[in-house]
C-alpha atoms as a PDB file:
ATOM      1  CA  MET A   1     -84.060-133.283  17.130  1.00  0.00           C
ATOM      2  CA  GLY A   2     -85.379-129.755  16.573  1.00  0.00           C
ATOM      3  CA  ASP A   3     -87.775-130.103  19.504  1.00  0.00           C
ATOM      4  CA  LEU A   4     -84.866-131.076  21.747  1.00  0.00           C
ATOM      5  CA  ARG A   5     -82.839-128.035  20.664  1.00  0.00           C
ATOM      6  CA  LEU A   6     -85.807-125.734  21.328  1.00  0.00           C
ATOM      7  CA  ALA A   7     -86.314-127.277  24.769  1.00  0.00           C
ATOM      8  CA  ARG A   8     -82.651-126.676  25.595  1.00  0.00           C
ATOM      9  CA  MET A   9     -82.931-123.077  24.425  1.00  0.00           C
ATOM     10  CA  ARG A  10     -86.029-122.521  26.600  1.00  0.00           C
ATOM     11  CA  THR A  11     -84.117-123.896  29.602  1.00  0.00           C
ATOM     12  CA  CYS A  12     -81.174-121.615  28.861  1.00  0.00           C
ATOM     13  CA  LEU A  13     -83.431-118.556  28.574  1.00  0.00           C
ATOM     14  CA  ALA A  14     -85.164-119.449  31.840  1.00  0.00           C
ATOM     15  CA  GLY A  15     -81.751-119.604  33.520  1.00  0.00           C
ATOM     16  CA  ARG A  16     -80.822-116.194  32.139  1.00  0.00           C
ATOM     17  CA  ARG A  17     -84.069-114.754  33.483  1.00  0.00           C
ATOM     18  CA  ALA A  18     -83.374-116.332  36.881  1.00  0.00           C
ATOM     19  CA  PHE A  19     -80.046-114.454  37.033  1.00  0.00           C
ATOM     20  CA  ARG A  20     -81.719-111.253  35.778  1.00  0.00           C
ATOM     21  CA  LEU A  21     -79.717-111.246  32.544  1.00  0.00           C
ATOM     22  CA  ASN A  22     -81.263-109.784  29.404  1.00  0.00           C
ATOM     23  CA  PRO A  23     -82.762-112.733  27.462  1.00  0.00           C
ATOM     24  CA  ASN A  24     -84.276-110.615  24.652  1.00  0.00           C
ATOM     25  CA  ASP A  25     -81.795-111.549  21.934  1.00  0.00           C
ATOM     26  CA  GLY A  26     -82.023-115.214  22.828  1.00  0.00           C
ATOM     27  CA  ALA A  27     -85.809-115.027  22.983  1.00  0.00           C
ATOM     28  CA  ALA A  28     -85.970-113.521  19.497  1.00  0.00           C
ATOM     29  CA  THR A  29     -83.729-116.287  18.175  1.00  0.00           C
ATOM     30  CA  MET A  30     -85.878-118.904  19.874  1.00  0.00           C
ATOM     31  CA  LEU A  31     -89.056-117.470  18.339  1.00  0.00           C
ATOM     32  CA  ALA A  32     -87.461-117.620  14.913  1.00  0.00           C
ATOM     33  CA  MET A  33     -86.345-121.216  15.495  1.00  0.00           C
ATOM     34  CA  GLU A  34     -89.825-122.193  16.713  1.00  0.00           C
ATOM     35  CA  TYR A  35     -91.318-120.672  13.563  1.00  0.00           C
ATOM     36  CA  VAL A  36     -88.896-122.573  11.330  1.00  0.00           C
ATOM     37  CA  GLN A  37     -89.581-125.798  13.254  1.00  0.00           C
ATOM     38  CA  ALA A  38     -93.362-125.364  12.860  1.00  0.00           C
ATOM     39  CA  GLN A  39     -92.975-124.687   9.130  1.00  0.00           C
ATOM     40  CA  TRP A  40     -90.761-127.739   8.714  1.00  0.00           C
ATOM     41  CA  GLN A  41     -93.257-129.948  10.550  1.00  0.00           C
ATOM     42  CA  SER A  42     -96.114-128.601   8.444  1.00  0.00           C
ATOM     43  CA  GLN A  43     -94.237-129.234   5.204  1.00  0.00           C
ATOM     44  CA  ARG A  44     -93.298-132.730   6.389  1.00  0.00           C
ATOM     45  CA  ARG A  45     -96.935-133.575   7.208  1.00  0.00           C
ATOM     46  CA  MET A  46     -98.057-132.260   3.817  1.00  0.00           C
ATOM     47  CA  LEU A  47     -95.433-134.319   2.000  1.00  0.00           C
ATOM     48  CA  LEU A  48     -96.288-137.468   3.955  1.00  0.00           C
ATOM     49  CA  ASP A  49     -99.992-136.939   3.235  1.00  0.00           C
ATOM     50  CA  GLN A  50     -99.203-136.669  -0.479  1.00  0.00           C
ATOM     51  CA  LEU A  51     -97.008-139.788  -0.458  1.00  0.00           C
ATOM     52  CA  TRP A  52     -99.291-141.896   1.699  1.00  0.00           C
ATOM     53  CA  PRO A  53    -102.864-140.555   1.600  1.00  0.00           C
ATOM     54  CA  ALA A  54    -105.188-141.692   4.359  1.00  0.00           C
ATOM     55  CA  SER A  55    -107.629-144.409   3.338  1.00  0.00           C
ATOM     56  CA  ASP A  56    -111.220-143.370   3.918  1.00  0.00           C
END
Protein backbone atom coordinates (compact mmCIF):
# COMPACT_ATOMS: atom_id res chain seq x y z
CA MET A 1 0.00 0.00 0.00
CA GLY A 2 2.84 2.40 0.83
CA ASP A 3 4.49 1.73 -2.53
CA LEU A 4 1.24 2.63 -4.29
CA ARG A 5 0.96 5.91 -2.38
CA LEU A 6 4.57 6.80 -3.24
CA ALA A 7 3.95 6.01 -6.91
CA ARG A 8 0.91 8.29 -6.91
CA MET A 9 2.93 11.06 -5.27
CA ARG A 10 5.69 10.71 -7.89
CA THR A 11 3.06 11.00 -10.64
CA CYS A 12 1.59 14.09 -9.00
CA LEU A 13 5.01 15.74 -8.69
CA ALA A 14 5.79 14.95 -12.33
CA GLY A 15 2.53 16.66 -13.31
CA ARG A 16 3.42 19.73 -11.27
CA ARG A 17 6.81 19.90 -12.98
CA ALA A 18 5.12 19.58 -16.38
CA PHE A 19 3.03 22.68 -15.59
CA ARG A 20 6.10 24.49 -14.20
CA LEU A 21 4.67 24.62 -10.68
CA ASN A 22 7.03 24.53 -7.71
CA PRO A 23 7.21 20.87 -6.58
CA ASN A 24 9.80 21.44 -3.82
CA ASP A 25 7.47 21.07 -0.85
CA GLY A 26 5.90 17.97 -2.33
CA ALA A 27 9.31 16.55 -3.19
CA ALA A 28 10.50 17.01 0.39
CA THR A 29 7.39 15.25 1.68
CA MET A 30 7.91 12.42 -0.79
CA LEU A 31 11.54 11.97 0.30
CA ALA A 32 10.41 11.75 3.91
CA MET A 33 7.72 9.21 3.01
CA GLU A 34 10.22 7.14 1.00
CA TYR A 35 12.56 7.12 4.00
CA VAL A 36 9.78 5.99 6.34
CA GLN A 37 8.71 3.31 3.84
CA ALA A 38 12.28 1.98 3.55
CA GLN A 39 12.64 1.90 7.35
CA TRP A 40 9.33 0.08 7.71
CA GLN A 41 10.33 -2.50 5.10
CA SER A 42 13.69 -3.02 6.80
CA GLN A 43 12.07 -3.50 10.20
CA ARG A 44 9.52 -5.89 8.70
CA ARG A 45 12.26 -8.01 7.07
CA MET A 46 14.20 -8.10 10.34
CA LEU A 47 11.13 -9.19 12.29
CA LEU A 48 10.24 -11.87 9.74
CA ASP A 49 13.83 -13.15 9.80
CA GLN A 50 13.64 -13.42 13.59
CA LEU A 51 10.27 -15.20 13.52
CA TRP A 52 11.09 -17.54 10.66
CA PRO A 53 14.87 -17.92 10.27
CA ALA A 54 16.12 -19.28 6.97
CA SER A 55 17.13 -22.94 7.06
CA ASP A 56 20.72 -23.44 5.97
